[in-house]
Amino acid sequence: MSKPTKAEKLIQDKVSREEMAAMKRARENNKETKYFHKEFHKQIARLGK
């Protein structure tokens, strides 16, 4: 296999950074979703009392 050219390497780095940013956003969304569900269930439990 040939070594990637400089342009290909730059493209790969850019894609990697974009993927890492997307994964970071996904993790943040997951944390927010978990927090929302936790608070939602607390409120539902309070309504039942």
PDB file of N, CA and C in Angstrom:
ATOM      1  N   MET A   1       0.844  -1.189   0.000  1.00  0.00           N
ATOM      2  CA  MET A   1       0.000   0.000   0.000  1.00  0.00           C
ATOM      3  C   MET A   1       0.884   1.245   0.000  1.00  0.00           C
ATOM      4  N   SER A   2       0.460   2.251  -0.720  1.00  0.00           N
ATOM      5  CA  SER A   2       1.242   3.481  -0.774  1.00  0.00           C
ATOM      6  C   SER A   2       0.897   4.380   0.412  1.00  0.00           C
ATOM      7  N   LYS A   3       1.842   5.230   0.734  1.00  0.00           N
ATOM      8  CA  LYS A   3       1.611   6.177   1.820  1.00  0.00           C
ATOM      9  C   LYS A   3       0.629   7.240   1.337  1.00  0.00           C
ATOM     10  N   PRO A   4      -0.217   7.737   2.223  1.00  0.00           N
ATOM     11  CA  PRO A   4      -1.150   8.789   1.806  1.00  0.00           C
ATOM     12  C   PRO A   4      -0.388  10.070   1.465  1.00  0.00           C
ATOM     13  N   THR A   5      -0.891  10.777   0.490  1.00  0.00           N
ATOM     14  CA  THR A   5      -0.272  12.047   0.114  1.00  0.00           C
ATOM     15  C   THR A   5      -0.573  13.082   1.192  1.00  0.00           C
ATOM     16  N   LYS A   6       0.096  14.214   1.094  1.00  0.00           N
ATOM     17  CA  LYS A   6      -0.102  15.276   2.081  1.00  0.00           C
ATOM     18  C   LYS A   6      -1.566  15.740   2.088  1.00  0.00           C
ATOM     19  N   ALA A   7      -2.148  15.879   0.910  1.00  0.00           N
ATOM     20  CA  ALA A   7      -3.549  16.316   0.811  1.00  0.00           C
ATOM     21  C   ALA A   7      -4.482  15.282   1.443  1.00  0.00           C
ATOM     22  N   GLU A   8      -4.228  14.002   1.167  1.00  0.00           N
ATOM     23  CA  GLU A   8      -5.060  12.947   1.757  1.00  0.00           C
ATOM     24  C   GLU A   8      -4.941  12.955   3.275  1.00  0.00           C
ATOM     25  N   LYS A   9      -3.726  13.170   3.776  1.00  0.00           N
ATOM     26  CA  LYS A   9      -3.500  13.205   5.221  1.00  0.00           C
ATOM     27  C   LYS A   9      -4.276  14.362   5.851  1.00  0.00           C
ATOM     28  N   LEU A  10      -4.245  15.533   5.209  1.00  0.00           N
ATOM     29  CA  LEU A  10      -4.993  16.684   5.723  1.00  0.00           C
ATOM     30  C   LEU A  10      -6.491  16.409   5.748  1.00  0.00           C
ATOM     31  N   ILE A  11      -6.984  15.759   4.705  1.00  0.00           N
ATOM     32  CA  ILE A  11      -8.410  15.415   4.645  1.00  0.00           C
ATOM     33  C   ILE A  11      -8.756  14.439   5.769  1.00  0.00           C
ATOM     34  N   GLN A  12      -7.916  13.427   5.980  1.00  0.00           N
ATOM     35  CA  GLN A  12      -8.157  12.453   7.045  1.00  0.00           C
ATOM     36  C   GLN A  12      -8.162  13.134   8.407  1.00  0.00           C
ATOM     37  N   ASP A  13      -7.211  14.054   8.638  1.00  0.00           N
ATOM     38  CA  ASP A  13      -7.164  14.775   9.909  1.00  0.00           C
ATOM     39  C   ASP A  13      -8.422  15.603  10.112  1.00  0.00           C
ATOM     40  N   LYS A  14      -8.883  16.260   9.035  1.00  0.00           N
ATOM     41  CA  LYS A  14     -10.087  17.092   9.129  1.00  0.00           C
ATOM     42  C   LYS A  14     -11.304  16.230   9.449  1.00  0.00           C
ATOM     43  N   VAL A  15     -11.414  15.100   8.779  1.00  0.00           N
ATOM     44  CA  VAL A  15     -12.537  14.194   9.033  1.00  0.00           C
ATOM     45  C   VAL A  15     -12.474  13.682  10.466  1.00  0.00           C
ATOM     46  N   SER A  16     -11.275  13.333  10.914  1.00  0.00           N
ATOM     47  CA  SER A  16     -11.121  12.836  12.282  1.00  0.00           C
ATOM     48  C   SER A  16     -11.570  13.888  13.287  1.00  0.00           C
ATOM     49  N   ARG A  17     -11.171  15.142  13.064  1.00  0.00           N
ATOM     50  CA  ARG A  17     -11.579  16.216  13.976  1.00  0.00           C
ATOM     51  C   ARG A  17     -13.087  16.394  13.959  1.00  0.00           C
ATOM     52  N   GLU A  18     -13.684  16.321  12.767  1.00  0.00           N
ATOM     53  CA  GLU A  18     -15.139  16.460  12.661  1.00  0.00           C
ATOM     54  C   GLU A  18     -15.840  15.304  13.363  1.00  0.00           C
ATOM     55  N   GLU A  19     -15.306  14.088  13.189  1.00  0.00           N
ATOM     56  CA  GLU A  19     -15.892  12.925  13.857  1.00  0.00           C
ATOM     57  C   GLU A  19     -15.773  13.057  15.367  1.00  0.00           C
ATOM     58  N   MET A  20     -14.618  13.527  15.837  1.00  0.00           N
ATOM     59  CA  MET A  20     -14.429  13.699  17.276  1.00  0.00           C
ATOM     60  C   MET A  20     -15.397  14.744  17.824  1.00  0.00           C
ATOM     61  N   ALA A  21     -15.601  15.826  17.080  1.00  0.00           N
ATOM     62  CA  ALA A  21     -16.542  16.859  17.505  1.00  0.00           C
ATOM     63  C   ALA A  21     -17.963  16.300  17.541  1.00  0.00           C
ATOM     64  N   ALA A  22     -18.310  15.500  16.545  1.00  0.00           N
ATOM     65  CA  ALA A  22     -19.645  14.893  16.510  1.00  0.00           C
ATOM     66  C   ALA A  22     -19.837  13.937  17.684  1.00  0.00           C
ATOM     67  N   MET A  23     -18.800  13.174  18.010  1.00  0.00           N
ATOM     68  CA  MET A  23     -18.888  12.255  19.145  1.00  0.00           C
ATOM     69  C   MET A  23     -19.025  13.029  20.451  1.00  0.00           C
ATOM     70  N   LYS A  24     -18.318  14.154  20.562  1.00  0.00           N
ATOM     71  CA  LYS A  24     -18.417  14.982  21.765  1.00  0.00           C
ATOM     72  C   LYS A  24     -19.840  15.515  21.918  1.00  0.00           C
ATOM     73  N   ARG A  25     -20.416  16.011  20.803  1.00  0.00           N
ATOM     74  CA  ARG A  25     -21.794  16.504  20.849  1.00  0.00           C
ATOM     75  C   ARG A  25     -22.753  15.382  21.242  1.00  0.00           C
ATOM     76  N   ALA A  26     -22.522  14.189  20.723  1.00  0.00           N
ATOM     77  CA  ALA A  26     -23.389  13.054  21.040  1.00  0.00           C
ATOM     78  C   ALA A  26     -23.304  12.716  22.525  1.00  0.00           C
ATOM     79  N   ARG A  27     -22.099  12.760  23.084  1.00  0.00           N
ATOM     80  CA  ARG A  27     -21.942  12.482  24.517  1.00  0.00           C
ATOM     81  C   ARG A  27     -22.656  13.531  25.352  1.00  0.00           C
ATOM     82  N   GLU A  28     -22.529  14.799  24.965  1.00  0.00           N
ATOM     83  CA  GLU A  28     -23.213  15.873  25.691  1.00  0.00           C
ATOM     84  C   GLU A  28     -24.725  15.686  25.611  1.00  0.00           C
ATOM     85  N   ASN A  29     -25.234  15.367  24.432  1.00  0.00           N
ATOM     86  CA  ASN A  29     -26.672  15.138  24.268  1.00  0.00           C
ATOM     87  C   ASN A  29     -27.121  13.970  25.127  1.00  0.00           C
ATOM     88  N   ASN A  30     -26.294  12.921  25.202  1.00  0.00           N
ATOM     89  CA  ASN A  30     -26.631  11.754  25.996  1.00  0.00           C
ATOM     90  C   ASN A  30     -26.720  12.135  27.475  1.00  0.00           C
ATOM     91  N   LYS A  31     -25.781  12.959  27.953  1.00  0.00           N
ATOM     92  CA  LYS A  31     -25.809  13.403  29.351  1.00  0.00           C
ATOM     93  C   LYS A  31     -27.073  14.204  29.621  1.00  0.00           C
ATOM     94  N   GLU A  32     -27.401  15.121  28.702  1.00  0.00           N
ATOM     95  CA  GLU A  32     -28.603  15.938  28.869  1.00  0.00           C
ATOM     96  C   GLU A  32     -29.855  15.071  28.866  1.00  0.00           C
ATOM     97  N   THR A  33     -29.897  14.079  28.000  1.00  0.00           N
ATOM     98  CA  THR A  33     -31.049  13.189  27.918  1.00  0.00           C
ATOM     99  C   THR A  33     -31.201  12.386  29.203  1.00  0.00           C
ATOM    100  N   LYS A  34     -30.094  11.851  29.711  1.00  0.00           N
ATOM    101  CA  LYS A  34     -30.148  11.089  30.961  1.00  0.00           C
ATOM    102  C   LYS A  34     -30.642  11.967  32.104  1.00  0.00           C
ATOM    103  N   TYR A  35     -30.139  13.210  32.169  1.00  0.00           N
ATOM    104  CA  TYR A  35     -30.565  14.132  33.217  1.00  0.00           C
ATOM    105  C   TYR A  35     -32.053  14.427  33.087  1.00  0.00           C
ATOM    106  N   PHE A  36     -32.513  14.667  31.862  1.00  0.00           N
ATOM    107  CA  PHE A  36     -33.925  14.947  31.633  1.00  0.00           C
ATOM    108  C   PHE A  36     -34.788  13.780  32.117  1.00  0.00           C
ATOM    109  N   HIS A  37     -34.406  12.547  31.746  1.00  0.00           N
ATOM    110  CA  HIS A  37     -35.190  11.377  32.153  1.00  0.00           C
ATOM    111  C   HIS A  37     -35.218  11.244  33.668  1.00  0.00           C
ATOM    112  N   LYS A  38     -34.091  11.488  34.302  1.00  0.00           N
ATOM    113  CA  LYS A  38     -34.007  11.395  35.761  1.00  0.00           C
ATOM    114  C   LYS A  38     -34.960  12.401  36.409  1.00  0.00           C
ATOM    115  N   GLU A  39     -34.893  13.655  35.968  1.00  0.00           N
ATOM    116  CA  GLU A  39     -35.759  14.693  36.521  1.00  0.00           C
ATOM    117  C   GLU A  39     -37.225  14.427  36.188  1.00  0.00           C
ATOM    118  N   PHE A  40     -37.490  13.950  34.984  1.00  0.00           N
ATOM    119  CA  PHE A  40     -38.851  13.645  34.563  1.00  0.00           C
ATOM    120  C   PHE A  40     -39.463  12.582  35.482  1.00  0.00           C
ATOM    121  N   HIS A  41     -38.703  11.530  35.755  1.00  0.00           N
ATOM    122  CA  HIS A  41     -39.219  10.463  36.611  1.00  0.00           C
ATOM    123  C   HIS A  41     -39.412  10.946  38.043  1.00  0.00           C
ATOM    124  N   LYS A  42     -38.556  11.855  38.503  1.00  0.00           N
ATOM    125  CA  LYS A  42     -38.742  12.427  39.841  1.00  0.00           C
ATOM    126  C   LYS A  42     -40.054  13.200  39.897  1.00  0.00           C
ATOM    127  N   GLN A  43     -40.319  13.995  38.861  1.00  0.00           N
ATOM    128  CA  GLN A  43     -41.548  14.786  38.837  1.00  0.00           C
ATOM    129  C   GLN A  43     -42.780  13.894  38.752  1.00  0.00           C
ATOM    130  N   ILE A  44     -42.714  12.845  37.972  1.00  0.00           N
ATOM    131  CA  ILE A  44     -43.837  11.903  37.873  1.00  0.00           C
ATOM    132  C   ILE A  44     -44.088  11.253  39.233  1.00  0.00           C
ATOM    133  N   ALA A  45     -43.010  10.896  39.923  1.00  0.00           N
ATOM    134  CA  ALA A  45     -43.156  10.284  41.244  1.00  0.00           C
ATOM    135  C   ALA A  45     -43.816  11.264  42.212  1.00  0.00           C
ATOM    136  N   ARG A  46     -43.466  12.543  42.127  1.00  0.00           N
ATOM    137  CA  ARG A  46     -44.071  13.556  42.999  1.00  0.00           C
ATOM    138  C   ARG A  46     -45.556  13.723  42.697  1.00  0.00           C
ATOM    139  N   LEU A  47     -45.934  13.615  41.437  1.00  0.00           N
ATOM    140  CA  LEU A  47     -47.342  13.755  41.073  1.00  0.00           C
ATOM    141  C   LEU A  47     -48.171  12.616  41.656  1.00  0.00           C
ATOM    142  N   GLY A  48     -47.569  11.446  41.757  1.00  0.00           N
ATOM    143  CA  GLY A  48     -48.283  10.281  42.255  1.00  0.00           C
ATOM    144  C   GLY A  48     -48.526  10.312  43.750  1.00  0.00           C
ATOM    145  N   LYS A  49     -47.850  11.205  44.455  1.00  0.00           N
ATOM    146  CA  LYS A  49     -48.004  11.249  45.925  1.00  0.00           C
ATOM    147  C   LYS A  49     -49.195  12.051  46.341  1.00  0.00           C
TER     148      LYS A  49
END
